[in-house]
Amino acid sequence: MKLPSCLTVLALIIINKAGGLIYNRSFHEAGLNKLNTNDYLVLAGTFHGVHAITARLNPLKPRPGNRSSTASSSGPGGLLIRPEPPSGLEVLESENFRMQCFTTLTGVKFLLFTDPTQANVDLTMRRVYDMYTDYVMKNPFYQLEMPVRCDMFDRKLGSYIREINNR
């Protein structure tokens, strides 16, 4: 399905550190195909597994200044180094959408689905995370790792994304 030519935020999914779906919301009617709750749960679990695998794909690279790549040692005196830190899957692009992942230090993953031509996705993701910390994490009734049920977060997020989608 081809998306409209406007720049659009399509959906947000938040996954807890164990891979469970704790929040999902679609923002654009003509965007992603409609998914049921079970599809979102499968998507969250699948992405969590793929992210964990891609975070382990951390190849050795030659040390700066060394031309030989035949050494197998990665110790202090070895010729190869392992870049730090491995981050896992961060962006998935197709002709129809772009999925950007932001992982917090506590392991919570924010998946933002946008039009492939959407600009400033990093800034949008940062603002969504700021709203999450302000309205969800500071909510005394919210329990960690549980589904997000916070009306203020929903309202502020909806207002912010509506502003982006109407530009």
Protein backbone atom coordinates (compact mmCIF):
# COMPACT_ATOMS: atom_id res chain seq x y z
CA MET A 1 0.00 0.00 0.00
CA LYS A 2 1.50 3.35 -1.00
CA LEU A 3 1.34 6.10 1.61
CA PRO A 4 0.22 9.65 0.94
CA SER A 5 2.97 12.03 -0.14
CA CYS A 6 2.79 14.03 3.10
CA LEU A 7 5.30 13.51 5.87
CA THR A 8 3.60 11.43 8.50
CA VAL A 9 4.11 9.69 11.82
CA LEU A 10 2.15 6.45 11.49
CA ALA A 11 2.41 4.58 14.79
CA LEU A 12 4.24 4.17 18.09
CA ILE A 13 4.94 0.92 19.90
CA ILE A 14 6.65 0.68 23.30
CA ILE A 15 8.17 -2.65 24.37
CA ASN A 16 9.36 -3.38 27.91
CA LYS A 17 12.77 -4.88 28.63
CA ALA A 18 11.34 -8.41 28.67
CA GLY A 19 9.87 -8.03 25.18
CA GLY A 20 6.27 -7.41 26.24
CA LEU A 21 4.07 -4.86 24.50
CA ILE A 22 3.22 -2.05 26.93
CA TYR A 23 1.87 0.59 24.53
CA ASN A 24 0.72 0.87 20.94
CA ARG A 25 -1.06 3.60 19.06
CA SER A 26 -1.74 4.37 15.41
CA PHE A 27 -1.85 8.00 14.32
CA HIS A 28 -2.72 7.96 10.63
CA GLU A 29 -5.75 6.25 9.08
CA ALA A 30 -4.15 5.75 5.65
CA GLY A 31 -0.90 4.51 7.16
CA LEU A 32 -0.16 1.00 8.37
CA ASN A 33 -2.60 -1.85 7.86
CA LYS A 34 -4.90 -2.40 10.81
CA LEU A 35 -3.47 -4.93 13.24
CA ASN A 36 -5.30 -6.67 16.06
CA THR A 37 -3.98 -6.91 19.61
CA ASN A 38 -2.47 -10.35 19.02
CA ASP A 39 -0.57 -9.05 15.97
CA TYR A 40 0.91 -6.24 18.07
CA LEU A 41 1.96 -8.73 20.77
CA VAL A 42 3.64 -10.94 18.15
CA LEU A 43 5.32 -7.89 16.58
CA ALA A 44 6.69 -6.78 19.97
CA GLY A 45 8.05 -10.22 20.83
CA THR A 46 9.54 -10.75 17.39
CA PHE A 47 11.22 -7.35 17.34
CA HIS A 48 12.61 -7.93 20.83
CA GLY A 49 14.23 -11.19 19.66
CA VAL A 50 15.60 -9.68 16.45
CA HIS A 51 16.95 -6.70 18.40
CA ALA A 52 18.69 -9.01 20.87
CA ILE A 53 20.31 -10.98 18.04
CA THR A 54 21.43 -7.89 16.13
CA ALA A 55 22.90 -6.43 19.31
CA ARG A 56 25.19 -9.46 19.45
CA LEU A 57 26.34 -8.96 15.86
CA ASN A 58 29.38 -6.95 16.82
CA PRO A 59 32.22 -7.82 14.45
CA LEU A 60 35.87 -7.36 15.23
CA LYS A 61 37.61 -4.53 13.41
CA PRO A 62 41.32 -3.96 12.77
CA ARG A 63 43.00 -1.60 15.21
CA PRO A 64 43.82 1.78 13.70
CA GLY A 65 47.30 1.64 12.22
CA ASN A 66 47.34 -2.16 11.76
CA ARG A 67 46.98 -3.41 8.21
CA SER A 68 46.88 -7.13 9.02
CA SER A 69 43.48 -8.62 9.69
CA THR A 70 44.63 -12.22 10.09
CA ALA A 71 45.02 -12.13 13.88
CA SER A 72 42.30 -13.76 15.94
CA SER A 73 43.13 -12.09 19.25
CA SER A 74 41.07 -9.26 20.59
CA GLY A 75 43.03 -8.79 23.80
CA PRO A 76 45.01 -5.71 24.78
CA GLY A 77 48.02 -6.78 22.71
CA GLY A 78 45.95 -8.20 19.84
CA LEU A 79 45.42 -6.66 16.46
CA LEU A 80 41.61 -6.59 16.51
CA ILE A 81 39.21 -4.57 18.60
CA ARG A 82 35.49 -4.85 19.24
CA PRO A 83 33.67 -1.52 18.83
CA GLU A 84 31.53 -0.48 21.78
CA PRO A 85 28.69 -0.59 22.51
CA PRO A 86 26.60 -2.89 20.32
CA SER A 87 23.19 -1.32 19.85
CA GLY A 88 21.12 -3.75 17.84
CA LEU A 89 18.64 -2.87 15.13
CA GLU A 90 18.01 0.88 15.05
CA VAL A 91 16.39 1.62 11.68
CA LEU A 92 14.41 -0.47 9.22
CA GLU A 93 13.45 1.21 5.96
CA SER A 94 11.19 0.11 3.14
CA GLU A 95 9.56 1.98 0.29
CA ASN A 96 6.36 2.27 2.36
CA PHE A 97 7.55 3.06 5.89
CA ARG A 98 10.51 3.64 8.15
CA MET A 99 10.77 2.09 11.61
CA GLN A 100 13.14 3.75 14.05
CA CYS A 101 14.03 2.16 17.38
CA PHE A 102 15.23 4.01 20.45
CA THR A 103 16.36 1.85 23.36
CA THR A 104 16.58 3.40 26.81
CA LEU A 105 19.32 2.54 29.30
CA THR A 106 16.76 0.40 31.15
CA GLY A 107 16.00 -1.66 28.02
CA VAL A 108 12.62 -0.16 27.07
CA LYS A 109 12.29 0.09 23.28
CA PHE A 110 10.35 2.79 21.45
CA LEU A 111 9.44 1.90 17.85
CA LEU A 112 8.29 4.85 15.79
CA PHE A 113 6.81 4.09 12.36
CA THR A 114 6.93 7.00 9.92
CA ASP A 115 6.70 7.85 6.26
CA PRO A 116 10.09 7.02 4.68
CA THR A 117 10.64 10.71 3.85
CA GLN A 118 9.85 11.96 7.37
CA ALA A 119 12.49 14.45 8.53
CA ASN A 120 13.89 14.84 12.06
CA VAL A 121 12.77 11.43 13.29
CA ASP A 122 15.43 11.56 16.02
CA LEU A 123 13.94 14.79 17.37
CA THR A 124 10.44 13.34 17.26
CA MET A 125 11.63 10.23 19.08
CA ARG A 126 13.35 12.35 21.72
CA ARG A 127 10.17 14.38 22.30
CA VAL A 128 8.09 11.18 22.60
CA TYR A 129 10.58 9.82 25.14
CA ASP A 130 10.46 13.09 27.09
CA MET A 131 6.66 12.83 27.25
CA TYR A 132 6.97 9.22 28.39
CA THR A 133 9.30 10.19 31.23
CA ASP A 134 7.17 13.19 32.22
CA TYR A 135 3.71 11.62 32.10
CA VAL A 136 4.25 7.89 32.56
CA MET A 137 7.36 7.42 34.67
CA LYS A 138 6.48 10.26 37.04
CA ASN A 139 2.95 8.92 37.47
CA PRO A 140 2.78 7.44 41.00
CA PHE A 141 0.19 4.88 39.88
CA TYR A 142 2.26 3.45 37.02
CA GLN A 143 3.96 0.11 37.70
CA LEU A 144 7.16 -0.63 35.78
CA GLU A 145 6.93 -3.20 32.99
CA MET A 146 3.13 -2.97 32.94
CA PRO A 147 0.94 -1.60 30.11
CA VAL A 148 0.88 2.19 29.90
CA ARG A 149 -2.54 3.51 30.91
CA CYS A 150 -2.00 7.24 31.31
CA ASP A 151 -4.56 9.65 29.87
CA MET A 152 -2.25 12.66 30.07
CA PHE A 153 0.43 10.83 28.07
CA ASP A 154 -2.17 9.83 25.45
CA ARG A 155 -3.47 13.39 25.12
CA LYS A 156 -0.06 15.08 24.93
CA LEU A 157 1.28 12.46 22.52
CA GLY A 158 -1.78 12.72 20.30
CA SER A 159 -1.56 16.50 20.23
CA TYR A 160 2.15 16.46 19.39
CA ILE A 161 1.82 13.90 16.59
CA ARG A 162 -1.24 15.69 15.16
CA GLU A 163 0.89 18.86 14.98
CA ILE A 164 3.64 16.98 13.09
CA ASN A 165 1.21 15.26 10.73
CA ASN A 166 -0.58 18.52 9.85
CA ARG A 167 2.56 20.36 8.78
